Amino acid sequence: MDDALLRLTEAVKTGKRKDAREATEIALNAGTDPETVLAALTAGMDDVGKRFRANEIFVPEVLVAARAMKTSMELLEPALVSSGVKPKYTAVIGTVAGDLHDIGKNLVIMMLKGANYGVIDLGINVPEEKFIEAAREHNPDLICLSALLTTTMPAMKTTVEALRKEGVSARIMVGGAPITEAFSQSIGADGYATDAAVAVDVANQLVGA
């Protein structure tokens, strides 16, 4: 891996947005294949995820790393598109109705994009009808539901039920502070991510990557 790619990986690991942007520009301007640049980016986030799971770093550090990654992706995504590289999988994601929290959701989005997922972000306070509409429009491989408040857990349950009733074929992954494996299973979700750092691993298992 050349110096720019090594610098990009390190910039993401340390959350240095300016360095991430400069390294991405240098790599792309030098004619480096966008997929190779994406691999360097993913390597940085993989390291962040491993350290987070090992309790070596915490949410603030992950957020800083995700912002550095986002800075790089703003340059990289157009290059990927223009070179004909398409995401292998598509995910629809949103925070369920009644819940206005999005930090965890946004982290999951960054992690999925870094793993070359196409992500449709429905935002916060998303009613079940909007998830169904997005499923029909985008035919995603994965639908991700987030909730931070215990009071919105019932909305997660009814959203899963509504998607099932509509015959949506996408696998459903749920997550958020009050969500547990037992709750995930009780509402009929296909998978549960304890945090953003493991979301990609769970997503890949669900879509068969």
Protein backbone atom coordinates (compact mmCIF):
# COMPACT_ATOMS: atom_id res chain seq x y z
CA MET A 1 0.00 0.00 0.00
CA ASP A 2 1.43 3.37 -1.00
CA ASP A 3 1.98 6.31 1.33
CA ALA A 4 -1.34 8.04 0.57
CA LEU A 5 -3.33 4.90 1.32
CA LEU A 6 -1.42 4.24 4.51
CA ARG A 7 -2.00 7.85 5.52
CA LEU A 8 -5.72 7.48 4.77
CA THR A 9 -6.03 4.37 6.94
CA GLU A 10 -4.19 6.09 9.76
CA ALA A 11 -6.26 9.27 9.39
CA VAL A 12 -9.48 7.31 9.84
CA LYS A 13 -8.08 5.39 12.81
CA THR A 14 -7.11 8.65 14.51
CA GLY A 15 -10.11 10.68 13.34
CA LYS A 16 -8.13 13.33 11.44
CA ARG A 17 -10.58 14.70 8.87
CA LYS A 18 -8.14 17.03 7.10
CA ASP A 19 -5.59 14.25 6.67
CA ALA A 20 -8.30 11.87 5.43
CA ARG A 21 -9.43 14.33 2.79
CA GLU A 22 -5.89 15.16 1.64
CA ALA A 23 -4.86 11.49 1.47
CA THR A 24 -7.98 10.64 -0.53
CA GLU A 25 -7.32 13.49 -2.97
CA ILE A 26 -3.69 12.46 -3.41
CA ALA A 27 -4.60 8.83 -4.03
CA LEU A 28 -7.35 9.61 -6.53
CA ASN A 29 -5.28 12.26 -8.34
CA ALA A 30 -2.48 9.72 -8.67
CA GLY A 31 -4.89 7.42 -10.50
CA THR A 32 -5.32 4.90 -7.70
CA ASP A 33 -8.31 2.66 -8.33
CA PRO A 34 -11.27 3.90 -6.23
CA GLU A 35 -11.90 0.40 -4.91
CA THR A 36 -8.33 0.31 -3.61
CA VAL A 37 -8.89 3.64 -1.86
CA LEU A 38 -12.12 2.25 -0.38
CA ALA A 39 -10.19 -0.76 0.92
CA ALA A 40 -7.76 1.56 2.74
CA LEU A 41 -10.71 3.42 4.21
CA THR A 42 -12.37 0.19 5.32
CA ALA A 43 -9.14 -0.99 6.92
CA GLY A 44 -9.18 2.09 9.13
CA MET A 45 -12.79 1.59 10.21
CA ASP A 46 -12.21 -2.13 10.78
CA ASP A 47 -9.47 -1.22 13.22
CA VAL A 48 -11.76 1.29 14.95
CA GLY A 49 -14.45 -1.36 15.26
CA LYS A 50 -12.06 -3.91 16.75
CA ARG A 51 -10.75 -1.44 19.32
CA PHE A 52 -14.28 -0.37 20.20
CA ARG A 53 -15.36 -3.99 20.79
CA ALA A 54 -12.26 -4.48 22.96
CA ASN A 55 -13.22 -1.41 25.05
CA GLU A 56 -9.97 0.29 24.05
CA ILE A 57 -11.90 3.27 22.64
CA PHE A 58 -15.44 4.53 23.17
CA VAL A 59 -18.31 6.17 21.29
CA PRO A 60 -16.72 9.67 21.06
CA GLU A 61 -13.62 8.22 19.39
CA VAL A 62 -15.76 6.17 17.01
CA LEU A 63 -17.75 9.28 16.10
CA VAL A 64 -14.55 11.20 15.33
CA ALA A 65 -13.31 8.33 13.15
CA ALA A 66 -16.66 8.14 11.36
CA ARG A 67 -16.50 11.85 10.58
CA ALA A 68 -13.04 11.42 9.09
CA MET A 69 -14.38 8.55 7.02
CA LYS A 70 -17.34 10.67 5.87
CA THR A 71 -14.95 13.39 4.72
CA SER A 72 -13.11 10.86 2.60
CA MET A 73 -16.32 9.27 1.28
CA GLU A 74 -17.54 12.66 0.00
CA LEU A 75 -14.66 12.53 -2.47
CA LEU A 76 -14.61 8.79 -2.99
CA GLU A 77 -18.28 8.08 -3.73
CA PRO A 78 -18.36 10.09 -6.99
CA ALA A 79 -15.13 8.39 -8.08
CA LEU A 80 -16.64 4.97 -7.38
CA VAL A 81 -19.75 5.86 -9.38
CA SER A 82 -17.81 7.26 -12.34
CA SER A 83 -15.61 4.18 -12.46
CA GLY A 84 -18.67 1.95 -12.61
CA VAL A 85 -18.26 0.44 -9.16
CA LYS A 86 -21.66 -0.26 -7.69
CA PRO A 87 -22.45 -1.30 -4.12
CA LYS A 88 -22.95 -5.04 -3.88
CA TYR A 89 -25.78 -4.70 -1.38
CA THR A 90 -28.40 -2.09 -0.58
CA ALA A 91 -29.65 -1.17 2.89
CA VAL A 92 -32.56 1.00 3.99
CA ILE A 93 -32.13 2.46 7.47
CA GLY A 94 -34.12 4.69 9.79
CA THR A 95 -34.99 5.49 13.40
CA VAL A 96 -38.50 4.25 14.16
CA ALA A 97 -41.58 6.41 14.73
CA GLY A 98 -41.52 8.53 17.87
CA ASP A 99 -37.73 8.46 18.22
CA LEU A 100 -35.60 11.46 17.25
CA HIS A 101 -32.14 10.01 17.97
CA ASP A 102 -29.71 9.41 15.13
CA ILE A 103 -26.13 9.17 16.41
CA GLY A 104 -26.14 5.37 16.44
CA LYS A 105 -27.96 5.22 13.11
CA ASN A 106 -25.47 7.57 11.49
CA LEU A 107 -22.57 5.49 12.76
CA VAL A 108 -24.11 2.36 11.27
CA ILE A 109 -24.54 4.21 7.96
CA MET A 110 -20.86 5.11 7.90
CA MET A 111 -19.85 1.55 8.74
CA LEU A 112 -22.08 0.12 6.00
CA LYS A 113 -20.90 2.62 3.40
CA GLY A 114 -17.33 1.75 4.28
CA ALA A 115 -18.19 -1.88 3.56
CA ASN A 116 -19.51 -0.82 0.12
CA TYR A 117 -23.22 -0.97 0.91
CA GLY A 118 -25.54 1.44 -0.83
CA VAL A 119 -27.47 3.10 1.99
CA ILE A 120 -30.84 4.85 1.83
CA ASP A 121 -31.23 6.90 5.01
CA LEU A 122 -34.87 7.57 5.90
CA GLY A 123 -33.89 9.74 8.86
CA ILE A 124 -35.60 9.87 12.25
CA ASN A 125 -39.18 9.38 13.45
CA VAL A 126 -39.91 7.11 10.48
CA PRO A 127 -43.41 5.59 10.31
CA GLU A 128 -43.80 2.00 9.19
CA GLU A 129 -45.44 3.14 5.94
CA LYS A 130 -42.26 4.95 4.92
CA PHE A 131 -40.16 1.81 5.49
CA ILE A 132 -42.61 -0.14 3.31
CA GLU A 133 -42.48 2.50 0.56
CA ALA A 134 -38.67 2.46 0.61
CA ALA A 135 -38.65 -1.34 0.44
CA ARG A 136 -40.89 -1.25 -2.62
CA GLU A 137 -38.88 1.48 -4.32
CA HIS A 138 -35.35 0.27 -3.65
CA ASN A 139 -35.78 -3.50 -3.21
CA PRO A 140 -33.03 -3.54 -0.55
CA ASP A 141 -31.18 -6.57 0.73
CA LEU A 142 -31.36 -5.24 4.27
CA ILE A 143 -33.64 -3.01 6.34
CA CYS A 144 -32.19 -1.55 9.54
CA LEU A 145 -34.37 -0.24 12.35
CA SER A 146 -32.96 1.88 15.17
CA ALA A 147 -34.47 2.93 18.52
CA LEU A 148 -32.93 4.60 21.55
CA LEU A 149 -36.03 5.07 23.70
CA THR A 150 -37.77 2.18 25.44
CA THR A 151 -41.06 3.94 24.64
CA THR A 152 -40.42 3.46 20.91
CA MET A 153 -39.66 -0.25 21.09
CA PRO A 154 -43.34 -1.05 20.31
CA ALA A 155 -42.96 0.99 17.10
CA MET A 156 -40.06 -1.24 16.13
CA LYS A 157 -42.26 -4.28 16.69
CA THR A 158 -45.13 -2.95 14.60
CA THR A 159 -42.74 -1.91 11.82
CA VAL A 160 -41.30 -5.43 11.60
CA GLU A 161 -44.83 -6.85 11.58
CA ALA A 162 -45.92 -4.43 8.85
CA LEU A 163 -42.91 -5.30 6.68
CA ARG A 164 -43.61 -9.00 7.11
CA LYS A 165 -47.28 -8.52 6.29
CA GLU A 166 -46.34 -6.72 3.08
CA GLY A 167 -44.15 -9.66 2.11
CA VAL A 168 -40.93 -7.63 2.07
CA SER A 169 -38.10 -10.05 1.33
CA ALA A 170 -35.26 -7.94 2.78
CA ARG A 171 -33.59 -9.18 5.93
CA ILE A 172 -34.36 -7.01 8.95
CA MET A 173 -31.67 -5.93 11.42
CA VAL A 174 -32.48 -4.00 14.60
CA GLY A 175 -30.38 -2.14 17.15
CA GLY A 176 -30.24 0.62 19.73
CA ALA A 177 -29.55 1.08 23.42
CA PRO A 178 -32.68 -0.66 24.82
CA ILE A 179 -32.75 -3.46 22.23
CA THR A 180 -31.63 -6.96 23.17
CA GLU A 181 -31.17 -10.24 21.33
CA ALA A 182 -34.25 -11.60 23.09
CA PHE A 183 -36.36 -8.62 22.03
CA SER A 184 -35.07 -8.89 18.48
CA GLN A 185 -36.15 -12.51 18.31
CA SER A 186 -39.50 -11.79 19.96
CA ILE A 187 -40.49 -9.28 17.26
CA GLY A 188 -39.35 -11.46 14.38
CA ALA A 189 -36.27 -9.54 13.28
CA ASP A 190 -33.59 -11.48 11.43
CA GLY A 191 -30.64 -10.01 13.30
CA TYR A 192 -29.52 -7.75 16.11
CA ALA A 193 -26.43 -5.54 16.26
CA THR A 194 -25.21 -4.65 19.73
CA ASP A 195 -23.51 -1.52 18.37
CA ALA A 196 -22.34 0.14 15.17
CA ALA A 197 -18.97 -1.60 15.33
CA VAL A 198 -20.53 -5.04 14.82
CA ALA A 199 -23.32 -3.90 12.50
CA VAL A 200 -21.39 -4.73 9.33
CA ASP A 201 -20.54 -8.24 10.55
CA VAL A 202 -24.20 -8.91 11.35
CA ALA A 203 -25.34 -7.33 8.08
CA ASN A 204 -22.92 -9.47 6.06
CA GLN A 205 -24.17 -12.61 7.79
CA LEU A 206 -27.77 -11.68 7.04
CA VAL A 207 -27.26 -10.95 3.34
CA GLY A 208 -24.89 -13.86 2.86
CA ALA A 209 -21.84 -11.78 2.03
